[in-house]
């Protein structure tokens, strides 16, 4: 939206009415989101205002346009070669955990008390970031298995039951620290 479109170097004003119709004041015609998407692609500068209050609602409308275009499989925003190279250089996460899980402790198991699949696995002590609202209690110890290079990662719960309901009062244990002794026993603090 870099080019100024009218003779006064002012952006084109689009009015949005309560019935969700969009009106282009420059052409004195009703337009659609597809028209606005094309204006973005053409580099035309515009502002969308609520017809009743006059509030600037351009950001909300642009977000709607971006979502619509992406759902059609089209990129509205320009992606440059530099952007693609930057993304390609980023390290991908080895494993993903649910939202609102807060990792409190991490320990790589090198003992031999557990089956061989656990050797060099990462044990993670989690707290739930929003225990009061979570239907999935996050107070647990999980284990992350992967190949030595980090590939083929998978995570699963190892020790649960620290939270018996969905309220903060139902939490009876807060796993934080993880350590093993010389015999290979795993301790949770």
N, C-alpha and C. Protein backbone atom coordinates (compact mmCIF):
# COMPACT_ATOMS: atom_id res chain seq x y z
N UNK A 1 0.83 -1.18 0.00
CA UNK A 1 0.00 0.00 0.00
C UNK A 1 0.87 1.25 0.00
N UNK A 2 1.91 1.27 -0.81
CA UNK A 2 2.85 2.36 -0.80
C UNK A 2 2.43 3.52 -1.67
N UNK A 3 1.82 3.29 -2.83
CA UNK A 3 1.46 4.36 -3.74
C UNK A 3 0.28 5.16 -3.19
N UNK A 4 0.36 6.44 -3.33
CA UNK A 4 -0.78 7.28 -2.98
C UNK A 4 -1.67 7.34 -4.21
N UNK A 5 -2.97 7.12 -4.02
CA UNK A 5 -3.81 6.87 -5.17
C UNK A 5 -4.59 8.06 -5.71
N UNK A 6 -4.83 9.08 -4.91
CA UNK A 6 -5.60 10.18 -5.46
C UNK A 6 -4.74 11.42 -5.59
N UNK A 7 -5.28 12.45 -6.16
CA UNK A 7 -4.49 13.63 -6.50
C UNK A 7 -3.96 14.37 -5.29
N UNK A 8 -4.54 14.20 -4.15
CA UNK A 8 -4.11 14.92 -2.95
C UNK A 8 -3.13 14.10 -2.12
N UNK A 9 -2.64 13.00 -2.66
CA UNK A 9 -1.73 12.11 -1.93
C UNK A 9 -2.33 11.61 -0.63
N UNK A 10 -3.62 11.49 -0.60
CA UNK A 10 -4.33 10.93 0.55
C UNK A 10 -4.75 9.51 0.20
N UNK A 11 -4.78 8.63 1.19
CA UNK A 11 -5.26 7.28 0.90
C UNK A 11 -6.74 7.28 0.53
N UNK A 12 -7.12 6.30 -0.24
CA UNK A 12 -8.53 6.13 -0.59
C UNK A 12 -9.28 5.74 0.67
N UNK A 13 -10.44 6.33 0.90
CA UNK A 13 -11.24 5.97 2.07
C UNK A 13 -12.28 4.94 1.66
N UNK A 14 -12.27 3.85 2.40
CA UNK A 14 -13.27 2.79 2.24
C UNK A 14 -14.13 2.84 3.51
N UNK A 15 -15.43 2.94 3.33
CA UNK A 15 -16.33 2.93 4.48
C UNK A 15 -16.93 1.54 4.64
N UNK A 16 -16.96 1.09 5.88
CA UNK A 16 -17.58 -0.21 6.16
C UNK A 16 -18.86 0.06 6.95
N UNK A 17 -19.97 -0.40 6.39
CA UNK A 17 -21.27 -0.19 7.00
C UNK A 17 -21.65 -1.35 7.92
N UNK A 18 -22.66 -1.11 8.75
CA UNK A 18 -23.11 -2.11 9.71
C UNK A 18 -23.52 -3.42 9.03
N UNK A 19 -24.01 -3.32 7.80
CA UNK A 19 -24.42 -4.52 7.07
C UNK A 19 -23.21 -5.23 6.43
N UNK A 20 -22.00 -4.80 6.79
CA UNK A 20 -20.72 -5.38 6.36
C UNK A 20 -20.35 -5.03 4.92
N UNK A 21 -21.09 -4.14 4.30
CA UNK A 21 -20.76 -3.72 2.94
C UNK A 21 -19.65 -2.68 2.99
N UNK A 22 -18.81 -2.72 1.97
CA UNK A 22 -17.67 -1.82 1.86
C UNK A 22 -17.93 -0.85 0.71
N UNK A 23 -17.66 0.44 0.96
CA UNK A 23 -17.95 1.47 -0.04
C UNK A 23 -16.68 2.27 -0.33
N UNK A 24 -16.27 2.27 -1.60
CA UNK A 24 -15.10 3.01 -2.04
C UNK A 24 -15.54 4.44 -2.35
N UNK A 25 -15.05 5.40 -1.55
CA UNK A 25 -15.49 6.78 -1.73
C UNK A 25 -14.87 7.42 -2.97
N UNK A 26 -13.75 6.88 -3.47
CA UNK A 26 -13.14 7.44 -4.67
C UNK A 26 -13.94 7.11 -5.92
N UNK A 27 -14.41 5.87 -6.00
CA UNK A 27 -15.16 5.43 -7.19
C UNK A 27 -16.67 5.49 -6.99
N UNK A 28 -17.10 5.84 -5.77
CA UNK A 28 -18.52 5.89 -5.42
C UNK A 28 -19.21 4.57 -5.76
N UNK A 29 -18.60 3.48 -5.31
CA UNK A 29 -19.17 2.16 -5.58
C UNK A 29 -18.88 1.22 -4.42
N UNK A 30 -19.75 0.22 -4.32
CA UNK A 30 -19.52 -0.81 -3.31
C UNK A 30 -18.46 -1.77 -3.82
N UNK A 31 -17.61 -2.24 -2.90
CA UNK A 31 -16.52 -3.16 -3.26
C UNK A 31 -16.56 -4.36 -2.32
N UNK A 32 -15.78 -5.36 -2.67
CA UNK A 32 -15.69 -6.57 -1.85
C UNK A 32 -14.29 -6.68 -1.27
N UNK A 33 -14.11 -7.67 -0.40
CA UNK A 33 -12.77 -7.92 0.12
C UNK A 33 -11.81 -8.29 -1.00
N UNK A 34 -12.32 -8.96 -2.03
CA UNK A 34 -11.46 -9.30 -3.17
C UNK A 34 -10.94 -8.04 -3.86
N UNK A 35 -11.81 -7.01 -3.97
CA UNK A 35 -11.36 -5.73 -4.54
C UNK A 35 -10.25 -5.12 -3.69
N UNK A 36 -10.44 -5.15 -2.37
CA UNK A 36 -9.42 -4.59 -1.49
C UNK A 36 -8.12 -5.38 -1.58
N UNK A 37 -8.23 -6.71 -1.69
CA UNK A 37 -7.02 -7.53 -1.84
C UNK A 37 -6.27 -7.14 -3.11
N UNK A 38 -7.00 -6.88 -4.17
CA UNK A 38 -6.36 -6.46 -5.42
C UNK A 38 -5.72 -5.08 -5.26
N UNK A 39 -6.36 -4.20 -4.49
CA UNK A 39 -5.76 -2.89 -4.24
C UNK A 39 -4.44 -3.03 -3.48
N UNK A 40 -4.39 -3.97 -2.53
CA UNK A 40 -3.15 -4.22 -1.80
C UNK A 40 -2.08 -4.71 -2.78
N UNK A 41 -2.44 -5.67 -3.62
CA UNK A 41 -1.49 -6.21 -4.60
C UNK A 41 -1.01 -5.15 -5.57
N UNK A 42 -1.90 -4.18 -5.91
CA UNK A 42 -1.55 -3.11 -6.84
C UNK A 42 -0.79 -1.98 -6.15
N UNK A 43 -0.64 -2.07 -4.84
CA UNK A 43 0.10 -1.04 -4.11
C UNK A 43 -0.68 0.23 -3.86
N UNK A 44 -2.00 0.16 -3.90
CA UNK A 44 -2.82 1.34 -3.67
C UNK A 44 -3.03 1.53 -2.17
N UNK A 45 -2.87 2.75 -1.74
CA UNK A 45 -3.01 3.08 -0.33
C UNK A 45 -4.47 3.36 -0.01
N UNK A 46 -4.98 2.74 1.05
CA UNK A 46 -6.36 2.99 1.46
C UNK A 46 -6.48 2.86 2.96
N UNK A 47 -7.54 3.42 3.47
CA UNK A 47 -7.88 3.32 4.88
C UNK A 47 -9.34 2.88 4.95
N UNK A 48 -9.64 1.99 5.89
CA UNK A 48 -11.01 1.53 6.06
C UNK A 48 -11.54 2.14 7.36
N UNK A 49 -12.66 2.80 7.24
CA UNK A 49 -13.26 3.45 8.41
C UNK A 49 -14.67 2.91 8.64
N UNK A 50 -15.02 2.78 9.91
CA UNK A 50 -16.39 2.41 10.27
C UNK A 50 -17.28 3.58 9.87
N UNK A 51 -18.31 3.30 9.08
CA UNK A 51 -19.16 4.37 8.55
C UNK A 51 -19.89 5.14 9.65
N UNK A 52 -20.22 4.49 10.74
CA UNK A 52 -20.98 5.16 11.81
C UNK A 52 -20.07 5.95 12.75
N UNK A 53 -19.00 5.30 13.24
CA UNK A 53 -18.14 5.94 14.24
C UNK A 53 -16.96 6.69 13.64
N UNK A 54 -16.58 6.33 12.43
CA UNK A 54 -15.41 6.94 11.81
C UNK A 54 -14.10 6.33 12.26
N UNK A 55 -14.18 5.29 13.12
CA UNK A 55 -12.96 4.64 13.62
C UNK A 55 -12.19 3.98 12.49
N UNK A 56 -10.87 4.03 12.59
CA UNK A 56 -10.00 3.37 11.62
C UNK A 56 -9.98 1.88 11.93
N UNK A 57 -10.51 1.07 11.03
CA UNK A 57 -10.55 -0.38 11.23
C UNK A 57 -9.74 -1.10 10.14
N UNK A 58 -8.76 -0.39 9.59
CA UNK A 58 -7.95 -0.93 8.50
C UNK A 58 -7.24 -2.22 8.92
N UNK A 59 -6.64 -2.23 10.10
CA UNK A 59 -5.89 -3.42 10.53
C UNK A 59 -6.78 -4.66 10.59
N UNK A 60 -7.96 -4.52 11.14
CA UNK A 60 -8.87 -5.66 11.24
C UNK A 60 -9.27 -6.16 9.85
N UNK A 61 -9.55 -5.23 8.93
CA UNK A 61 -9.95 -5.62 7.58
C UNK A 61 -8.79 -6.26 6.84
N UNK A 62 -7.58 -5.71 6.99
CA UNK A 62 -6.41 -6.30 6.34
C UNK A 62 -6.13 -7.71 6.87
N UNK A 63 -6.30 -7.89 8.17
CA UNK A 63 -6.12 -9.23 8.74
C UNK A 63 -7.11 -10.20 8.12
N UNK A 64 -8.36 -9.77 7.98
CA UNK A 64 -9.40 -10.59 7.36
C UNK A 64 -9.01 -10.95 5.93
N UNK A 65 -8.51 -9.96 5.19
CA UNK A 65 -8.10 -10.19 3.80
C UNK A 65 -6.96 -11.20 3.73
N UNK A 66 -5.97 -11.05 4.60
CA UNK A 66 -4.83 -11.97 4.61
C UNK A 66 -5.29 -13.39 4.89
N UNK A 67 -6.17 -13.55 5.88
CA UNK A 67 -6.68 -14.89 6.22
C UNK A 67 -7.44 -15.48 5.04
N UNK A 68 -8.28 -14.68 4.41
CA UNK A 68 -9.04 -15.15 3.24
C UNK A 68 -8.12 -15.58 2.11
N UNK A 69 -7.11 -14.77 1.81
CA UNK A 69 -6.19 -15.08 0.72
C UNK A 69 -5.38 -16.35 1.03
N UNK A 70 -4.94 -16.47 2.28
CA UNK A 70 -4.18 -17.66 2.68
C UNK A 70 -5.04 -18.92 2.60
N UNK A 71 -6.33 -18.79 2.94
CA UNK A 71 -7.22 -19.96 2.87
C UNK A 71 -7.43 -20.42 1.44
N UNK A 72 -7.24 -19.51 0.49
CA UNK A 72 -7.34 -19.85 -0.93
C UNK A 72 -6.01 -20.37 -1.48
N UNK A 73 -4.99 -20.41 -0.61
CA UNK A 73 -3.68 -20.87 -1.05
C UNK A 73 -2.87 -19.81 -1.75
N UNK A 74 -3.25 -18.56 -1.59
CA UNK A 74 -2.54 -17.46 -2.24
C UNK A 74 -1.80 -16.64 -1.20
N UNK A 75 -0.60 -16.20 -1.56
CA UNK A 75 0.18 -15.34 -0.67
C UNK A 75 -0.11 -13.89 -1.01
N UNK A 76 -0.63 -13.16 -0.06
CA UNK A 76 -0.89 -11.75 -0.27
C UNK A 76 0.37 -10.93 0.01
N UNK A 77 1.08 -11.34 1.04
CA UNK A 77 2.29 -10.61 1.41
C UNK A 77 3.46 -11.09 0.57
N UNK A 78 4.30 -10.20 0.14
CA UNK A 78 5.44 -10.64 -0.68
C UNK A 78 6.46 -11.40 0.16
N UNK A 79 6.86 -12.54 -0.35
CA UNK A 79 7.91 -13.32 0.30
C UNK A 79 9.11 -13.25 -0.62
N UNK A 80 10.18 -12.65 -0.13
CA UNK A 80 11.36 -12.47 -0.95
C UNK A 80 12.28 -13.67 -0.84
N UNK A 81 13.26 -13.73 -1.71
CA UNK A 81 14.27 -14.79 -1.65
C UNK A 81 15.01 -14.72 -0.32
N UNK A 82 15.28 -13.52 0.16
CA UNK A 82 15.96 -13.36 1.44
C UNK A 82 15.12 -13.95 2.58
N UNK A 83 13.79 -13.75 2.53
CA UNK A 83 12.91 -14.33 3.54
C UNK A 83 13.00 -15.85 3.52
N UNK A 84 12.96 -16.41 2.32
CA UNK A 84 13.03 -17.87 2.18
C UNK A 84 14.35 -18.41 2.69
N UNK A 85 15.45 -17.72 2.42
CA UNK A 85 16.76 -18.16 2.92
C UNK A 85 16.83 -18.08 4.43
N UNK A 86 16.26 -17.03 4.99
CA UNK A 86 16.25 -16.87 6.44
C UNK A 86 15.49 -18.00 7.11
N UNK A 87 14.33 -18.35 6.58
CA UNK A 87 13.53 -19.44 7.13
C UNK A 87 14.27 -20.77 6.99
N UNK A 88 14.90 -20.98 5.84
CA UNK A 88 15.61 -22.25 5.59
C UNK A 88 16.76 -22.46 6.57
N UNK A 89 17.36 -21.38 7.07
CA UNK A 89 18.50 -21.50 7.98
C UNK A 89 18.10 -21.73 9.43
N UNK A 90 16.84 -21.54 9.75
CA UNK A 90 16.39 -21.69 11.13
C UNK A 90 16.37 -23.16 11.53
N UNK A 91 16.77 -23.42 12.76
CA UNK A 91 16.71 -24.79 13.27
C UNK A 91 15.27 -25.11 13.63
N UNK A 92 14.84 -26.28 13.23
CA UNK A 92 13.49 -26.72 13.55
C UNK A 92 13.48 -27.32 14.95
N UNK A 93 12.39 -27.15 15.69
CA UNK A 93 12.34 -27.75 17.03
C UNK A 93 12.36 -29.27 16.94
N UNK A 94 13.00 -29.90 17.91
CA UNK A 94 13.07 -31.36 17.94
C UNK A 94 11.72 -31.93 18.34
N UNK A 95 11.06 -31.30 19.28
CA UNK A 95 9.76 -31.78 19.75
C UNK A 95 8.89 -30.61 20.17
N UNK A 96 7.60 -30.82 20.10
CA UNK A 96 6.64 -29.80 20.49
C UNK A 96 5.87 -30.27 21.72
N UNK A 97 5.57 -29.32 22.60
CA UNK A 97 4.78 -29.64 23.79
C UNK A 97 3.49 -28.83 23.74
N UNK A 98 2.47 -29.26 24.46
CA UNK A 98 1.20 -28.54 24.44
C UNK A 98 1.34 -27.10 24.94
N UNK A 99 0.42 -26.26 24.53
CA UNK A 99 0.40 -24.88 24.99
C UNK A 99 0.23 -24.82 26.50
N UNK A 100 0.81 -23.81 27.09
CA UNK A 100 0.72 -23.52 28.52
C UNK A 100 1.49 -24.52 29.38
N UNK A 101 2.33 -25.34 28.81
CA UNK A 101 3.21 -26.20 29.59
C UNK A 101 4.51 -25.44 29.81
N UNK A 102 4.95 -25.34 31.04
CA UNK A 102 6.18 -24.63 31.36
C UNK A 102 7.23 -25.66 31.79
N UNK A 103 8.28 -25.86 31.00
CA UNK A 103 9.32 -26.80 31.41
C UNK A 103 10.12 -26.23 32.58
N UNK A 104 10.21 -27.00 33.65
CA UNK A 104 10.89 -26.54 34.86
C UNK A 104 12.26 -27.20 35.03
N UNK A 105 12.40 -28.40 34.52
CA UNK A 105 13.67 -29.10 34.65
C UNK A 105 13.86 -30.06 33.50
N UNK A 106 15.12 -30.27 33.13
CA UNK A 106 15.47 -31.16 32.03
C UNK A 106 16.64 -32.02 32.46
N UNK A 107 16.55 -33.31 32.18
CA UNK A 107 17.62 -34.23 32.57
C UNK A 107 17.76 -35.33 31.52
N UNK A 108 18.98 -35.52 31.04
CA UNK A 108 19.26 -36.61 30.10
C UNK A 108 19.63 -37.84 30.91
N UNK A 109 18.89 -38.91 30.71
CA UNK A 109 19.06 -40.13 31.49
C UNK A 109 20.19 -40.98 30.90
N UNK A 110 21.18 -41.27 31.72
CA UNK A 110 22.30 -42.11 31.28
C UNK A 110 22.42 -43.38 32.10
N UNK A 111 21.48 -43.59 33.01
CA UNK A 111 21.51 -44.77 33.85
C UNK A 111 21.02 -46.01 33.12
N UNK A 112 20.95 -47.13 33.89
CA UNK A 112 20.51 -48.38 33.28
C UNK A 112 19.39 -49.05 34.07
N UNK A 113 18.69 -48.31 34.92
CA UNK A 113 17.57 -48.85 35.68
C UNK A 113 16.32 -49.04 34.80
N UNK A 114 16.21 -48.25 33.75
CA UNK A 114 15.05 -48.30 32.86
C UNK A 114 15.41 -49.10 31.61
N UNK A 115 14.41 -49.50 30.84
CA UNK A 115 14.69 -50.19 29.57
C UNK A 115 15.63 -49.38 28.67
N UNK A 116 16.31 -50.04 27.76
CA UNK A 116 17.32 -49.39 26.93
C UNK A 116 16.77 -48.23 26.11
N UNK A 117 15.49 -48.22 25.80
CA UNK A 117 14.91 -47.11 25.03
C UNK A 117 15.04 -45.78 25.76
N UNK A 118 15.16 -45.82 27.09
CA UNK A 118 15.26 -44.60 27.88
C UNK A 118 16.69 -44.07 27.97
N UNK A 119 17.66 -44.83 27.53
CA UNK A 119 19.06 -44.39 27.62
C UNK A 119 19.26 -43.17 26.72
N UNK A 120 19.75 -42.09 27.28
CA UNK A 120 19.95 -40.80 26.62
C UNK A 120 18.66 -40.06 26.28
N UNK A 121 17.54 -40.52 26.78
CA UNK A 121 16.28 -39.79 26.59
C UNK A 121 16.28 -38.58 27.52
N UNK A 122 15.53 -37.56 27.15
CA UNK A 122 15.44 -36.35 27.96
C UNK A 122 14.15 -36.40 28.78
N UNK A 123 14.29 -36.32 30.08
CA UNK A 123 13.14 -36.21 30.97
C UNK A 123 12.90 -34.73 31.24
N UNK A 124 11.62 -34.32 31.19
CA UNK A 124 11.27 -32.92 31.37
C UNK A 124 10.18 -32.82 32.43
N UNK A 125 10.42 -31.98 33.45
CA UNK A 125 9.41 -31.71 34.47
C UNK A 125 8.61 -30.50 34.02
N UNK A 126 7.29 -30.65 33.95
CA UNK A 126 6.41 -29.58 33.48
C UNK A 126 5.48 -29.09 34.58
N UNK A 127 5.22 -27.78 34.55
CA UNK A 127 4.12 -27.17 35.29
C UNK A 127 3.12 -26.71 34.25
N UNK A 128 1.88 -26.58 34.67
CA UNK A 128 0.86 -26.04 33.77
C UNK A 128 0.82 -24.54 33.95
N UNK A 129 0.92 -23.81 32.86
CA UNK A 129 0.90 -22.36 32.94
C UNK A 129 -0.45 -21.81 33.33
N UNK A 130 -1.53 -22.52 33.00
CA UNK A 130 -2.87 -22.04 33.29
C UNK A 130 -3.70 -23.19 33.86
N UNK A 131 -3.29 -23.69 35.00
CA UNK A 131 -3.94 -24.86 35.59
C UNK A 131 -5.42 -24.65 35.85
N UNK A 132 -5.80 -23.46 36.22
CA UNK A 132 -7.20 -23.20 36.55
C UNK A 132 -8.12 -23.35 35.34
N UNK A 133 -7.59 -23.12 34.15
CA UNK A 133 -8.42 -23.14 32.95
C UNK A 133 -8.12 -24.33 32.06
N UNK A 134 -7.15 -25.14 32.42
CA UNK A 134 -6.72 -26.22 31.55
C UNK A 134 -7.55 -27.47 31.75
N UNK A 135 -7.99 -28.07 30.65
CA UNK A 135 -8.67 -29.36 30.73
C UNK A 135 -7.63 -30.48 30.65
N UNK A 136 -6.38 -30.13 30.36
CA UNK A 136 -5.29 -31.08 30.24
C UNK A 136 -4.22 -30.69 31.25
N UNK A 137 -4.27 -31.28 32.46
CA UNK A 137 -3.30 -30.88 33.48
C UNK A 137 -1.87 -31.02 32.98
N UNK A 138 -1.08 -29.99 33.19
CA UNK A 138 0.28 -29.98 32.70
C UNK A 138 1.32 -30.33 33.73
N UNK A 139 0.92 -30.64 34.94
CA UNK A 139 1.88 -31.02 35.96
C UNK A 139 2.25 -32.47 35.77
N UNK A 140 3.40 -32.71 35.12
CA UNK A 140 3.83 -34.07 34.87
C UNK A 140 5.31 -34.10 34.57
N UNK A 141 5.83 -35.30 34.46
CA UNK A 141 7.18 -35.52 33.96
C UNK A 141 7.00 -36.28 32.65
N UNK A 142 7.51 -35.71 31.59
CA UNK A 142 7.42 -36.34 30.27
C UNK A 142 8.81 -36.77 29.83
N UNK A 143 8.83 -37.63 28.85
CA UNK A 143 10.11 -38.10 28.32
C UNK A 143 10.13 -37.86 26.82
N UNK A 144 11.26 -37.35 26.35
CA UNK A 144 11.47 -37.06 24.94
C UNK A 144 12.48 -38.06 24.39
N UNK A 145 12.01 -38.89 23.48
CA UNK A 145 12.87 -39.85 22.80
C UNK A 145 13.26 -39.28 21.44
N UNK A 146 14.49 -39.51 21.02
CA UNK A 146 14.89 -39.10 19.67
C UNK A 146 16.16 -39.86 19.31
N UNK A 147 16.49 -39.77 18.04
CA UNK A 147 17.76 -40.31 17.58
C UNK A 147 18.87 -39.38 18.07
N UNK A 148 20.14 -39.83 18.08
CA UNK A 148 21.22 -38.96 18.57
C UNK A 148 21.31 -37.60 17.85
N UNK A 149 20.89 -37.55 16.57
CA UNK A 149 20.94 -36.27 15.84
C UNK A 149 19.68 -35.43 16.04
N UNK A 150 18.76 -35.86 16.90
CA UNK A 150 17.53 -35.11 17.17
C UNK A 150 16.37 -35.48 16.28
N UNK A 151 16.58 -36.35 15.31
CA UNK A 151 15.49 -36.72 14.40
C UNK A 151 14.57 -37.75 15.05
N UNK A 152 13.43 -37.96 14.45
CA UNK A 152 12.45 -38.95 14.89
C UNK A 152 12.04 -38.73 16.36
N UNK A 153 11.85 -37.47 16.73
CA UNK A 153 11.52 -37.14 18.12
C UNK A 153 10.06 -37.44 18.41
N UNK A 154 9.83 -37.92 19.61
CA UNK A 154 8.47 -38.16 20.10
C UNK A 154 8.48 -37.96 21.61
N UNK A 155 7.38 -37.40 22.11
CA UNK A 155 7.30 -37.10 23.54
C UNK A 155 6.09 -37.81 24.12
N UNK A 156 6.23 -38.27 25.34
CA UNK A 156 5.12 -38.94 26.02
C UNK A 156 5.21 -38.71 27.52
N UNK A 157 4.08 -38.86 28.18
CA UNK A 157 4.06 -38.68 29.63
C UNK A 157 4.73 -39.87 30.30
N UNK A 158 5.51 -39.58 31.31
CA UNK A 158 6.21 -40.62 32.07
C UNK A 158 5.64 -40.74 33.48
N UNK A 159 5.37 -39.61 34.10
CA UNK A 159 4.86 -39.60 35.47
C UNK A 159 3.75 -38.56 35.55
N UNK A 160 2.54 -38.99 35.91
CA UNK A 160 1.40 -38.08 35.97
C UNK A 160 0.73 -38.19 37.34
N UNK A 161 -0.36 -37.48 37.52
CA UNK A 161 -1.13 -37.56 38.76
C UNK A 161 -0.85 -36.45 39.74
N UNK A 162 -0.04 -35.47 39.34
CA UNK A 162 0.26 -34.35 40.23
C UNK A 162 -0.92 -33.39 40.35
N UNK A 163 -1.87 -33.50 39.43
CA UNK A 163 -3.06 -32.66 39.44
C UNK A 163 -4.26 -33.58 39.22
N UNK A 164 -5.21 -33.55 40.16
CA UNK A 164 -6.35 -34.46 40.09
C UNK A 164 -7.60 -33.84 39.48
N UNK A 165 -7.58 -32.54 39.25
CA UNK A 165 -8.73 -31.85 38.66
C UNK A 165 -8.25 -30.72 37.78
N UNK A 166 -9.11 -29.72 37.59
CA UNK A 166 -8.74 -28.60 36.72
C UNK A 166 -8.61 -27.29 37.48
N UNK A 167 -8.49 -27.34 38.81
CA UNK A 167 -8.30 -26.13 39.60
C UNK A 167 -6.92 -26.14 40.22
N UNK A 168 -6.46 -24.97 40.62
CA UNK A 168 -5.15 -24.87 41.27
C UNK A 168 -5.14 -25.66 42.58
N UNK A 169 -6.29 -25.75 43.26
CA UNK A 169 -6.36 -26.48 44.53
C UNK A 169 -6.21 -27.99 44.31
N UNK A 170 -6.43 -28.47 43.09
CA UNK A 170 -6.31 -29.91 42.83
C UNK A 170 -4.88 -30.34 42.52
N UNK A 171 -3.95 -29.39 42.53
CA UNK A 171 -2.54 -29.71 42.30
C UNK A 171 -1.91 -30.05 43.63
N UNK A 172 -1.37 -31.26 43.76
CA UNK A 172 -0.74 -31.65 45.01
C UNK A 172 0.77 -31.81 44.87
N UNK A 173 1.28 -31.74 43.66
CA UNK A 173 2.72 -31.86 43.47
C UNK A 173 3.19 -30.96 42.34
N UNK A 174 4.38 -30.40 42.51
CA UNK A 174 4.96 -29.50 41.53
C UNK A 174 6.34 -30.02 41.11
N UNK A 175 6.40 -30.90 40.12
CA UNK A 175 7.70 -31.43 39.72
C UNK A 175 8.59 -30.32 39.16
N UNK A 176 9.83 -30.27 39.66
CA UNK A 176 10.74 -29.22 39.22
C UNK A 176 12.08 -29.81 38.80
N UNK A 177 12.76 -30.45 39.73
CA UNK A 177 14.10 -30.94 39.46
C UNK A 177 14.11 -32.42 39.13
N UNK A 178 15.05 -32.82 38.31
CA UNK A 178 15.24 -34.22 37.94
C UNK A 178 16.72 -34.56 38.06
N UNK A 179 17.00 -35.70 38.69
CA UNK A 179 18.40 -36.11 38.87
C UNK A 179 18.44 -37.63 38.99
N UNK A 180 19.54 -38.22 38.61
CA UNK A 180 19.73 -39.66 38.81
C UNK A 180 20.91 -39.88 39.75
N UNK A 181 20.86 -41.00 40.46
CA UNK A 181 21.97 -41.35 41.33
C UNK A 181 22.90 -42.34 40.59
N UNK A 182 23.95 -42.79 41.26
CA UNK A 182 24.92 -43.67 40.64
C UNK A 182 24.31 -45.00 40.21
N UNK A 183 23.24 -45.42 40.89
CA UNK A 183 22.59 -46.70 40.55
C UNK A 183 21.66 -46.56 39.36
N UNK A 184 21.37 -45.31 38.93
CA UNK A 184 20.49 -45.09 37.77
C UNK A 184 19.05 -44.80 38.14
N UNK A 185 18.77 -44.61 39.42
CA UNK A 185 17.41 -44.27 39.84
C UNK A 185 17.15 -42.80 39.51
N UNK A 186 15.93 -42.50 39.07
CA UNK A 186 15.54 -41.14 38.73
C UNK A 186 14.78 -40.55 39.89
N UNK A 187 15.18 -39.36 40.32
CA UNK A 187 14.51 -38.67 41.41
C UNK A 187 13.89 -37.38 40.89
N UNK A 188 12.68 -37.08 41.39
CA UNK A 188 11.96 -35.88 41.02
C UNK A 188 11.75 -35.05 42.27
N UNK A 189 12.11 -33.78 42.19
CA UNK A 189 11.90 -32.90 43.35
C UNK A 189 10.76 -31.95 43.06
